[in-house]
Amino acid sequence: MAISAGEQSMARLRCTYMALVLGMVFVAGSAAIVLQRDSAARSSFLTRIADRATTIDVAKIQTLRGTPSDADTQAYVSIKRALAEIQTQLPNCRFVYLLGRRPDGCVVFFADSEPSQSRACSPPGQPYYEASAQLRSIFDSGQSITEGPLSDRWGCWVSALVPIVDPQTKSIIVVLGADISVRQWYTAIISSSLPS
């Protein structure tokens, strides 16, 4: 029995419609998996940074002022070593650092994981002008967060940020931060979302 041109056209239209619907279901399902993996990875990243925060010597941090003169102190050198060690323990992590807040509200670097001679090193007292409102709020809320993707002068990052608190006064001394580049972050997320 011959099929008319109109029936053929309708059949092609139904096939195209079905392919579009299945494609949309696949994309939506894939997006849901990626979002779920992203959320789980952020939670894991934050937990790992919070665990590392407990290894940093609070007494040494308290001797720092967040000014260039810190660079000449033994405490600063020791803290930089500790931050570099933390960085090596975190896959894909590019930077680990301590941020403080001056009385005028300016967020500054106290120390980072980079060698002092590195062009990417942030010396003590260097302002971090790109600090987001969410990062700034940690100094008041004491809430650990992940944020990003956000860009700064060094690149585009997903960051985990954890306050380090004075055990006596419970006031926030500094924030420990760690950055993973967006490209590495999403490459790992998408890889973990693919069927094995």
N, C-alpha and C. Protein backbone atom coordinates (compact mmCIF):
# COMPACT_ATOMS: atom_id res chain seq x y z
N MET A 1 0.85 -1.18 0.00
CA MET A 1 0.00 0.00 0.00
C MET A 1 0.89 1.24 0.00
N ALA A 2 0.64 2.12 -0.91
CA ALA A 2 1.47 3.31 -1.07
C ALA A 2 1.16 4.32 0.02
N ILE A 3 2.22 5.00 0.50
CA ILE A 3 2.06 6.05 1.50
C ILE A 3 2.13 7.37 0.79
N SER A 4 1.18 8.22 1.09
CA SER A 4 1.13 9.51 0.41
C SER A 4 2.26 10.41 0.91
N ALA A 5 2.54 11.43 0.12
CA ALA A 5 3.59 12.39 0.49
C ALA A 5 3.24 13.07 1.81
N GLY A 6 1.96 13.35 2.03
CA GLY A 6 1.53 13.99 3.27
C GLY A 6 1.79 13.09 4.48
N GLU A 7 1.49 11.78 4.31
CA GLU A 7 1.73 10.83 5.39
C GLU A 7 3.23 10.69 5.67
N GLN A 8 4.04 10.68 4.61
CA GLN A 8 5.48 10.61 4.79
C GLN A 8 5.99 11.84 5.54
N SER A 9 5.46 12.97 5.18
CA SER A 9 5.87 14.22 5.83
C SER A 9 5.49 14.19 7.32
N MET A 10 4.28 13.70 7.62
CA MET A 10 3.83 13.60 9.01
C MET A 10 4.70 12.60 9.79
N ALA A 11 5.06 11.50 9.18
CA ALA A 11 5.90 10.50 9.83
C ALA A 11 7.27 11.09 10.15
N ARG A 12 7.84 11.84 9.18
CA ARG A 12 9.14 12.48 9.42
C ARG A 12 9.03 13.51 10.53
N LEU A 13 7.93 14.23 10.56
CA LEU A 13 7.71 15.24 11.59
C LEU A 13 7.61 14.58 12.97
N ARG A 14 6.88 13.45 13.05
CA ARG A 14 6.77 12.72 14.31
C ARG A 14 8.13 12.20 14.76
N CYS A 15 8.94 11.68 13.85
CA CYS A 15 10.28 11.19 14.19
C CYS A 15 11.16 12.34 14.68
N THR A 16 11.09 13.47 13.98
CA THR A 16 11.89 14.63 14.39
C THR A 16 11.46 15.10 15.78
N TYR A 17 10.13 15.14 15.99
CA TYR A 17 9.60 15.55 17.30
C TYR A 17 10.09 14.61 18.40
N MET A 18 10.01 13.28 18.12
CA MET A 18 10.45 12.30 19.11
C MET A 18 11.94 12.45 19.40
N ALA A 19 12.74 12.68 18.35
CA ALA A 19 14.18 12.86 18.53
C ALA A 19 14.45 14.10 19.38
N LEU A 20 13.71 15.17 19.14
CA LEU A 20 13.87 16.40 19.93
C LEU A 20 13.50 16.17 21.39
N VAL A 21 12.39 15.49 21.62
CA VAL A 21 11.95 15.21 22.99
C VAL A 21 12.99 14.36 23.70
N LEU A 22 13.46 13.30 23.05
CA LEU A 22 14.47 12.43 23.67
C LEU A 22 15.77 13.20 23.91
N GLY A 23 16.15 14.07 22.97
CA GLY A 23 17.34 14.89 23.16
C GLY A 23 17.20 15.82 24.35
N MET A 24 16.02 16.43 24.49
CA MET A 24 15.78 17.34 25.62
C MET A 24 15.81 16.57 26.94
N VAL A 25 15.24 15.37 26.95
CA VAL A 25 15.27 14.55 28.17
C VAL A 25 16.71 14.19 28.52
N PHE A 26 17.49 13.83 27.49
CA PHE A 26 18.90 13.49 27.73
C PHE A 26 19.68 14.69 28.27
N VAL A 27 19.48 15.86 27.65
CA VAL A 27 20.19 17.07 28.10
C VAL A 27 19.78 17.43 29.52
N ALA A 28 18.47 17.38 29.80
CA ALA A 28 17.99 17.72 31.15
C ALA A 28 18.54 16.72 32.18
N GLY A 29 18.54 15.45 31.83
CA GLY A 29 19.07 14.44 32.75
C GLY A 29 20.56 14.62 32.98
N SER A 30 21.29 14.91 31.90
CA SER A 30 22.73 15.13 32.02
C SER A 30 23.01 16.37 32.87
N ALA A 31 22.24 17.43 32.64
CA ALA A 31 22.42 18.66 33.43
C ALA A 31 22.15 18.40 34.91
N ALA A 32 21.12 17.61 35.19
CA ALA A 32 20.80 17.29 36.59
C ALA A 32 21.94 16.51 37.24
N ILE A 33 22.53 15.59 36.50
CA ILE A 33 23.65 14.80 37.03
C ILE A 33 24.85 15.71 37.29
N VAL A 34 25.15 16.61 36.33
CA VAL A 34 26.29 17.53 36.49
C VAL A 34 26.06 18.43 37.70
N LEU A 35 24.85 18.96 37.85
CA LEU A 35 24.55 19.83 39.00
C LEU A 35 24.69 19.07 40.32
N GLN A 36 24.23 17.84 40.33
CA GLN A 36 24.35 17.02 41.54
C GLN A 36 25.82 16.75 41.87
N ARG A 37 26.61 16.43 40.85
CA ARG A 37 28.04 16.18 41.07
C ARG A 37 28.76 17.45 41.50
N ASP A 38 28.36 18.58 40.93
CA ASP A 38 28.96 19.86 41.30
C ASP A 38 28.70 20.15 42.78
N SER A 39 27.46 19.95 43.21
CA SER A 39 27.10 20.19 44.61
C SER A 39 27.88 19.27 45.55
N ALA A 40 28.00 18.00 45.18
CA ALA A 40 28.74 17.05 46.01
C ALA A 40 30.22 17.40 46.05
N ALA A 41 30.77 17.83 44.91
CA ALA A 41 32.19 18.19 44.86
C ALA A 41 32.46 19.43 45.70
N ARG A 42 31.55 20.40 45.68
CA ARG A 42 31.72 21.61 46.49
C ARG A 42 31.70 21.26 47.98
N SER A 43 30.80 20.39 48.37
CA SER A 43 30.72 19.97 49.77
C SER A 43 32.01 19.26 50.19
N SER A 44 32.51 18.39 49.34
CA SER A 44 33.75 17.66 49.64
C SER A 44 34.94 18.62 49.71
N PHE A 45 35.02 19.55 48.78
CA PHE A 45 36.10 20.54 48.74
C PHE A 45 36.10 21.36 50.03
N LEU A 46 34.93 21.81 50.44
CA LEU A 46 34.81 22.62 51.66
C LEU A 46 35.21 21.82 52.90
N THR A 47 34.80 20.56 52.95
CA THR A 47 35.16 19.70 54.08
C THR A 47 36.68 19.52 54.15
N ARG A 48 37.31 19.30 53.00
CA ARG A 48 38.77 19.10 52.98
C ARG A 48 39.49 20.36 53.45
N ILE A 49 39.01 21.54 53.04
CA ILE A 49 39.66 22.79 53.47
C ILE A 49 39.42 23.02 54.96
N ALA A 50 38.21 22.73 55.43
CA ALA A 50 37.92 22.88 56.86
C ALA A 50 38.82 21.95 57.69
N ASP A 51 39.04 20.73 57.20
CA ASP A 51 39.95 19.80 57.90
C ASP A 51 41.37 20.35 57.94
N ARG A 52 41.83 20.92 56.82
CA ARG A 52 43.19 21.47 56.76
C ARG A 52 43.32 22.72 57.64
N ALA A 53 42.25 23.47 57.80
CA ALA A 53 42.30 24.68 58.63
C ALA A 53 42.70 24.35 60.06
N THR A 54 42.34 23.17 60.53
CA THR A 54 42.66 22.79 61.91
C THR A 54 44.14 22.48 62.08
N THR A 55 44.88 22.33 60.98
CA THR A 55 46.31 22.00 61.07
C THR A 55 47.19 23.24 61.13
N ILE A 56 46.61 24.41 60.91
CA ILE A 56 47.41 25.64 60.89
C ILE A 56 47.52 26.19 62.31
N ASP A 57 48.72 26.57 62.67
CA ASP A 57 49.02 27.04 64.02
C ASP A 57 48.42 28.44 64.25
N VAL A 58 47.35 28.48 65.02
CA VAL A 58 46.64 29.75 65.29
C VAL A 58 47.55 30.75 65.99
N ALA A 59 48.38 30.27 66.91
CA ALA A 59 49.28 31.17 67.64
C ALA A 59 50.22 31.90 66.68
N LYS A 60 50.70 31.19 65.65
CA LYS A 60 51.57 31.84 64.66
C LYS A 60 50.80 32.85 63.82
N ILE A 61 49.57 32.50 63.45
CA ILE A 61 48.75 33.44 62.67
C ILE A 61 48.55 34.73 63.46
N GLN A 62 48.32 34.59 64.76
CA GLN A 62 48.04 35.76 65.59
C GLN A 62 49.22 36.71 65.71
N THR A 63 50.43 36.25 65.38
CA THR A 63 51.59 37.14 65.41
C THR A 63 51.70 37.98 64.14
N LEU A 64 50.96 37.60 63.10
CA LEU A 64 51.01 38.33 61.83
C LEU A 64 50.10 39.55 61.88
N ARG A 65 50.45 40.55 61.08
CA ARG A 65 49.65 41.79 61.03
C ARG A 65 49.05 42.04 59.65
N GLY A 66 49.42 41.20 58.70
CA GLY A 66 48.91 41.44 57.34
C GLY A 66 49.56 42.65 56.70
N THR A 67 50.86 42.84 56.98
CA THR A 67 51.63 43.96 56.43
C THR A 67 52.92 43.40 55.84
N PRO A 68 53.60 44.17 54.99
CA PRO A 68 54.85 43.68 54.39
C PRO A 68 55.91 43.24 55.40
N SER A 69 55.91 43.84 56.60
CA SER A 69 56.92 43.47 57.60
C SER A 69 56.78 42.02 58.07
N ASP A 70 55.61 41.39 57.86
CA ASP A 70 55.43 39.98 58.23
C ASP A 70 56.41 39.07 57.50
N ALA A 71 56.80 39.47 56.28
CA ALA A 71 57.64 38.60 55.44
C ALA A 71 58.98 38.27 56.10
N ASP A 72 59.41 39.08 57.05
CA ASP A 72 60.70 38.85 57.72
C ASP A 72 60.58 37.99 58.97
N THR A 73 59.38 37.50 59.27
CA THR A 73 59.19 36.76 60.52
C THR A 73 59.23 35.25 60.29
N GLN A 74 59.65 34.54 61.31
CA GLN A 74 59.69 33.09 61.26
C GLN A 74 58.27 32.51 61.16
N ALA A 75 57.32 33.15 61.83
CA ALA A 75 55.94 32.67 61.79
C ALA A 75 55.40 32.69 60.36
N TYR A 76 55.69 33.75 59.62
CA TYR A 76 55.24 33.87 58.23
C TYR A 76 55.83 32.75 57.38
N VAL A 77 57.12 32.52 57.51
CA VAL A 77 57.80 31.46 56.75
C VAL A 77 57.18 30.10 57.08
N SER A 78 56.93 29.86 58.34
CA SER A 78 56.34 28.60 58.77
C SER A 78 54.93 28.42 58.21
N ILE A 79 54.14 29.48 58.24
CA ILE A 79 52.77 29.41 57.72
C ILE A 79 52.78 29.19 56.21
N LYS A 80 53.69 29.85 55.49
CA LYS A 80 53.80 29.63 54.04
C LYS A 80 54.11 28.16 53.74
N ARG A 81 54.99 27.57 54.54
CA ARG A 81 55.31 26.14 54.36
C ARG A 81 54.06 25.28 54.57
N ALA A 82 53.29 25.61 55.62
CA ALA A 82 52.07 24.85 55.91
C ALA A 82 51.05 24.98 54.77
N LEU A 83 50.92 26.18 54.21
CA LEU A 83 49.98 26.39 53.11
C LEU A 83 50.43 25.64 51.86
N ALA A 84 51.74 25.63 51.59
CA ALA A 84 52.26 24.89 50.44
C ALA A 84 52.01 23.39 50.61
N GLU A 85 52.14 22.90 51.84
CA GLU A 85 51.87 21.49 52.11
C GLU A 85 50.40 21.16 51.88
N ILE A 86 49.52 22.05 52.32
CA ILE A 86 48.08 21.85 52.08
C ILE A 86 47.80 21.78 50.59
N GLN A 87 48.41 22.68 49.83
CA GLN A 87 48.18 22.70 48.38
C GLN A 87 48.56 21.37 47.74
N THR A 88 49.67 20.78 48.17
CA THR A 88 50.09 19.51 47.57
C THR A 88 49.13 18.36 47.90
N GLN A 89 48.36 18.52 48.97
CA GLN A 89 47.43 17.47 49.38
C GLN A 89 46.09 17.54 48.65
N LEU A 90 45.86 18.60 47.89
CA LEU A 90 44.57 18.81 47.24
C LEU A 90 44.70 18.72 45.73
N PRO A 91 44.15 17.67 45.12
CA PRO A 91 44.25 17.53 43.67
C PRO A 91 43.67 18.75 42.95
N ASN A 92 44.37 19.21 41.93
CA ASN A 92 43.95 20.32 41.06
C ASN A 92 43.96 21.69 41.74
N CYS A 93 44.35 21.77 43.00
CA CYS A 93 44.33 23.05 43.71
C CYS A 93 45.51 23.91 43.25
N ARG A 94 45.22 25.16 42.86
CA ARG A 94 46.29 26.04 42.38
C ARG A 94 46.83 26.95 43.48
N PHE A 95 45.96 27.52 44.28
CA PHE A 95 46.39 28.43 45.34
C PHE A 95 45.74 28.08 46.67
N VAL A 96 46.51 28.24 47.75
CA VAL A 96 45.99 28.17 49.11
C VAL A 96 46.51 29.42 49.81
N TYR A 97 45.66 30.09 50.59
CA TYR A 97 46.06 31.39 51.13
C TYR A 97 45.27 31.74 52.39
N LEU A 98 45.78 32.72 53.11
CA LEU A 98 45.09 33.29 54.26
C LEU A 98 44.76 34.74 53.94
N LEU A 99 43.50 35.11 54.18
CA LEU A 99 43.05 36.48 53.99
C LEU A 99 42.61 37.06 55.32
N GLY A 100 42.95 38.31 55.54
CA GLY A 100 42.49 39.02 56.72
C GLY A 100 41.74 40.28 56.31
N ARG A 101 41.13 40.92 57.28
CA ARG A 101 40.40 42.16 56.99
C ARG A 101 40.93 43.28 57.89
N ARG A 102 41.31 44.38 57.27
CA ARG A 102 41.79 45.54 58.02
C ARG A 102 40.60 46.26 58.66
N PRO A 103 40.87 47.13 59.63
CA PRO A 103 39.78 47.90 60.24
C PRO A 103 38.96 48.72 59.24
N ASP A 104 39.59 49.14 58.13
CA ASP A 104 38.85 49.92 57.12
C ASP A 104 38.03 49.03 56.20
N GLY A 105 38.05 47.69 56.44
CA GLY A 105 37.26 46.76 55.64
C GLY A 105 37.99 46.16 54.47
N CYS A 106 39.19 46.63 54.17
CA CYS A 106 39.97 46.11 53.04
C CYS A 106 40.43 44.69 53.35
N VAL A 107 40.18 43.77 52.42
CA VAL A 107 40.63 42.39 52.56
C VAL A 107 42.04 42.29 51.99
N VAL A 108 42.96 41.70 52.77
CA VAL A 108 44.37 41.61 52.36
C VAL A 108 44.88 40.19 52.54
N PHE A 109 45.91 39.86 51.78
CA PHE A 109 46.59 38.58 51.95
C PHE A 109 47.49 38.63 53.18
N PHE A 110 47.44 37.56 53.96
CA PHE A 110 48.38 37.40 55.06
C PHE A 110 49.53 36.49 54.61
N ALA A 111 49.22 35.45 53.85
CA ALA A 111 50.24 34.52 53.34
C ALA A 111 49.59 33.67 52.26
N ASP A 112 50.42 33.09 51.40
CA ASP A 112 49.91 32.14 50.41
C ASP A 112 50.88 31.00 50.21
N SER A 113 50.48 30.05 49.37
CA SER A 113 51.26 28.83 49.17
C SER A 113 52.35 28.97 48.12
N GLU A 114 52.42 30.10 47.45
CA GLU A 114 53.40 30.31 46.39
C GLU A 114 54.80 30.58 46.95
N PRO A 115 55.85 30.10 46.29
CA PRO A 115 57.19 30.51 46.70
C PRO A 115 57.31 32.03 46.63
N SER A 116 58.06 32.62 47.54
CA SER A 116 58.16 34.08 47.61
C SER A 116 58.66 34.71 46.32
N GLN A 117 59.51 33.99 45.56
CA GLN A 117 60.04 34.54 44.32
C GLN A 117 59.10 34.38 43.12
N SER A 118 57.99 33.66 43.31
CA SER A 118 57.03 33.43 42.23
C SER A 118 56.32 34.73 41.86
N ARG A 119 56.07 34.92 40.57
CA ARG A 119 55.33 36.10 40.11
C ARG A 119 53.88 36.05 40.58
N ALA A 120 53.38 34.86 40.90
CA ALA A 120 52.00 34.71 41.37
C ALA A 120 51.87 34.84 42.87
N CYS A 121 52.99 35.05 43.57
CA CYS A 121 52.95 35.18 45.03
C CYS A 121 52.23 36.46 45.43
N SER A 122 51.39 36.35 46.44
CA SER A 122 50.72 37.53 47.01
C SER A 122 51.41 37.85 48.32
N PRO A 123 52.22 38.90 48.36
CA PRO A 123 52.97 39.22 49.58
C PRO A 123 52.04 39.68 50.70
N PRO A 124 52.49 39.57 51.95
CA PRO A 124 51.62 39.99 53.05
C PRO A 124 51.24 41.45 52.94
N GLY A 125 49.96 41.71 53.14
CA GLY A 125 49.44 43.07 53.06
C GLY A 125 48.92 43.46 51.69
N GLN A 126 49.10 42.58 50.68
CA GLN A 126 48.58 42.92 49.35
C GLN A 126 47.06 42.93 49.37
N PRO A 127 46.43 44.04 48.97
CA PRO A 127 44.96 44.07 48.97
C PRO A 127 44.38 43.08 47.97
N TYR A 128 43.27 42.47 48.36
CA TYR A 128 42.54 41.59 47.44
C TYR A 128 41.26 42.33 47.06
N TYR A 129 41.41 43.21 46.07
CA TYR A 129 40.30 44.07 45.66
C TYR A 129 39.13 43.29 45.07
N GLU A 130 39.43 42.11 44.55
CA GLU A 130 38.38 41.31 43.90
C GLU A 130 37.52 40.52 44.88
N ALA A 131 37.77 40.66 46.17
CA ALA A 131 37.00 39.89 47.17
C ALA A 131 35.50 40.14 46.96
N SER A 132 34.75 39.07 46.84
CA SER A 132 33.30 39.17 46.62
C SER A 132 32.60 39.57 47.92
N ALA A 133 31.36 40.01 47.77
CA ALA A 133 30.55 40.34 48.96
C ALA A 133 30.38 39.10 49.83
N GLN A 134 30.25 37.94 49.20
CA GLN A 134 30.08 36.70 49.96
C GLN A 134 31.34 36.38 50.77
N LEU A 135 32.50 36.57 50.16
CA LEU A 135 33.76 36.34 50.88
C LEU A 135 33.87 37.33 52.05
N ARG A 136 33.60 38.60 51.80
CA ARG A 136 33.68 39.62 52.85
C ARG A 136 32.76 39.30 54.02
N SER A 137 31.62 38.72 53.71
CA SER A 137 30.64 38.43 54.76
C SER A 137 31.12 37.37 55.75
N ILE A 138 32.09 36.54 55.34
CA ILE A 138 32.59 35.49 56.23
C ILE A 138 33.18 36.10 57.49
N PHE A 139 33.80 37.28 57.38
CA PHE A 139 34.42 37.91 58.54
C PHE A 139 33.39 38.32 59.59
N ASP A 140 32.14 38.42 59.18
CA ASP A 140 31.06 38.75 60.13
C ASP A 140 30.24 37.52 60.50
N SER A 141 29.95 36.68 59.51
CA SER A 141 29.06 35.54 59.75
C SER A 141 29.79 34.33 60.31
N GLY A 142 31.07 34.18 59.97
CA GLY A 142 31.80 32.98 60.38
C GLY A 142 31.39 31.74 59.60
N GLN A 143 30.66 31.93 58.51
CA GLN A 143 30.13 30.81 57.73
C GLN A 143 31.11 30.38 56.65
N SER A 144 31.47 29.11 56.60
CA SER A 144 32.31 28.57 55.53
C SER A 144 31.49 28.50 54.25
N ILE A 145 32.14 28.77 53.11
CA ILE A 145 31.42 28.76 51.84
C ILE A 145 32.29 28.21 50.71
N THR A 146 31.63 27.81 49.63
CA THR A 146 32.30 27.70 48.34
C THR A 146 31.67 28.76 47.45
N GLU A 147 32.47 29.31 46.55
CA GLU A 147 31.93 30.29 45.61
C GLU A 147 32.62 30.14 44.26
N GLY A 148 31.99 30.71 43.28
CA GLY A 148 32.54 30.68 41.94
C GLY A 148 31.67 29.84 41.02
N PRO A 149 31.99 29.94 39.77
CA PRO A 149 33.17 30.54 39.19
C PRO A 149 33.19 32.07 39.33
N LEU A 150 34.33 32.59 39.81
CA LEU A 150 34.58 34.02 39.90
C LEU A 150 35.98 34.30 39.39
N SER A 151 36.14 35.45 38.74
CA SER A 151 37.43 35.83 38.18
C SER A 151 38.14 36.84 39.06
N ASP A 152 39.47 36.75 39.07
CA ASP A 152 40.30 37.78 39.67
C ASP A 152 41.52 37.96 38.77
N ARG A 153 42.51 38.69 39.22
CA ARG A 153 43.67 38.99 38.34
C ARG A 153 44.49 37.75 38.00
N TRP A 154 44.30 36.63 38.72
CA TRP A 154 45.06 35.42 38.48
C TRP A 154 44.33 34.40 37.62
N GLY A 155 43.03 34.56 37.43
CA GLY A 155 42.28 33.61 36.62
C GLY A 155 40.82 33.53 37.05
N CYS A 156 40.20 32.40 36.71
CA CYS A 156 38.79 32.16 37.05
C CYS A 156 38.74 30.89 37.89
N TRP A 157 38.07 30.97 39.07
CA TRP A 157 38.21 29.93 40.08
C TRP A 157 36.90 29.49 40.71
N VAL A 158 36.91 28.27 41.21
CA VAL A 158 35.95 27.81 42.22
C VAL A 158 36.76 27.76 43.51
N SER A 159 36.24 28.39 44.56
CA SER A 159 37.01 28.55 45.80
C SER A 159 36.25 27.99 47.00
N ALA A 160 37.03 27.44 47.93
CA ALA A 160 36.51 27.04 49.24
C ALA A 160 37.12 27.99 50.26
N LEU A 161 36.29 28.53 51.15
CA LEU A 161 36.72 29.56 52.10
C LEU A 161 36.22 29.22 53.49
N VAL A 162 37.17 29.13 54.44
CA VAL A 162 36.86 28.68 55.80
C VAL A 162 37.47 29.65 56.81
N PRO A 163 36.67 30.18 57.74
CA PRO A 163 37.24 31.08 58.75
C PRO A 163 38.09 30.31 59.77
N ILE A 164 39.16 30.95 60.21
CA ILE A 164 39.97 30.42 61.31
C ILE A 164 39.74 31.35 62.50
N VAL A 165 39.34 30.73 63.63
CA VAL A 165 38.82 31.48 64.77
C VAL A 165 39.78 31.43 65.95
N ASP A 166 39.87 32.54 66.66
CA ASP A 166 40.63 32.58 67.92
C ASP A 166 39.92 31.68 68.92
N PRO A 167 40.61 30.66 69.47
CA PRO A 167 39.93 29.73 70.38
C PRO A 167 39.43 30.38 71.67
N GLN A 168 40.07 31.47 72.09
CA GLN A 168 39.62 32.14 73.32
C GLN A 168 38.46 33.10 73.07
N THR A 169 38.64 34.00 72.11
CA THR A 169 37.63 35.06 71.90
C THR A 169 36.54 34.66 70.92
N LYS A 170 36.80 33.60 70.16
CA LYS A 170 35.88 33.13 69.11
C LYS A 170 35.74 34.14 67.97
N SER A 171 36.62 35.12 67.92
CA SER A 171 36.59 36.08 66.82
C SER A 171 37.37 35.51 65.63
N ILE A 172 37.00 35.95 64.44
CA ILE A 172 37.64 35.44 63.22
C ILE A 172 38.97 36.17 63.02
N ILE A 173 40.04 35.39 62.90
CA ILE A 173 41.37 35.97 62.70
C ILE A 173 41.63 36.15 61.20
N VAL A 174 41.48 35.06 60.45
CA VAL A 174 41.71 35.06 59.00
C VAL A 174 40.74 34.08 58.37
N VAL A 175 40.73 34.09 57.04
CA VAL A 175 39.97 33.11 56.27
C VAL A 175 40.96 32.30 55.45
N LEU A 176 40.87 30.98 55.56
CA LEU A 176 41.69 30.09 54.73
C LEU A 176 40.93 29.85 53.43
N GLY A 177 41.62 30.10 52.32
CA GLY A 177 41.00 29.89 51.01
C GLY A 177 41.81 28.96 50.14
N ALA A 178 41.14 28.29 49.23
CA ALA A 178 41.81 27.44 48.24
C ALA A 178 41.06 27.57 46.92
N ASP A 179 41.82 27.63 45.84
CA ASP A 179 41.25 27.84 44.50
C ASP A 179 41.57 26.67 43.57
N ILE A 180 40.55 26.28 42.80
CA ILE A 180 40.73 25.34 41.69
C ILE A 180 40.24 26.06 40.44
N SER A 181 41.02 25.98 39.37
CA SER A 181 40.62 26.68 38.14
C SER A 181 39.30 26.12 37.64
N VAL A 182 38.50 26.99 37.05
CA VAL A 182 37.18 26.58 36.54
C VAL A 182 37.33 25.45 35.52
N ARG A 183 38.33 25.56 34.66
CA ARG A 183 38.50 24.52 33.64
C ARG A 183 38.74 23.17 34.29
N GLN A 184 39.64 23.10 35.27
CA GLN A 184 39.90 21.83 35.94
C GLN A 184 38.70 21.36 36.76
N TRP A 185 38.01 22.32 37.38
CA TRP A 185 36.83 21.98 38.18
C TRP A 185 35.79 21.27 37.33
N TYR A 186 35.41 21.90 36.21
CA TYR A 186 34.33 21.33 35.39
C TYR A 186 34.79 20.12 34.57
N THR A 187 36.08 20.05 34.25
CA THR A 187 36.57 18.84 33.60
C THR A 187 36.39 17.64 34.53
N ALA A 188 36.74 17.84 35.82
CA ALA A 188 36.58 16.76 36.81
C ALA A 188 35.10 16.43 37.03
N ILE A 189 34.25 17.45 37.08
CA ILE A 189 32.81 17.22 37.29
C ILE A 189 32.21 16.44 36.13
N ILE A 190 32.52 16.88 34.91
CA ILE A 190 31.95 16.21 33.73
C ILE A 190 32.49 14.79 33.61
N SER A 191 33.79 14.60 33.87
CA SER A 191 34.37 13.25 33.82
C SER A 191 33.69 12.31 34.80
N SER A 192 33.40 12.84 36.01
CA SER A 192 32.76 11.99 37.02
C SER A 192 31.29 11.73 36.70
N SER A 193 30.72 12.51 35.79
CA SER A 193 29.30 12.36 35.44
C SER A 193 29.09 11.37 34.29
N LEU A 194 30.18 11.05 33.59
CA LEU A 194 30.05 10.13 32.45
C LEU A 194 29.93 8.68 32.94
N PRO A 195 29.16 7.87 32.22
CA PRO A 195 29.06 6.46 32.62
C PRO A 195 30.41 5.78 32.50
N SER A 196 30.71 4.90 33.47
CA SER A 196 32.02 4.21 33.45
C SER A 196 31.93 2.90 32.70
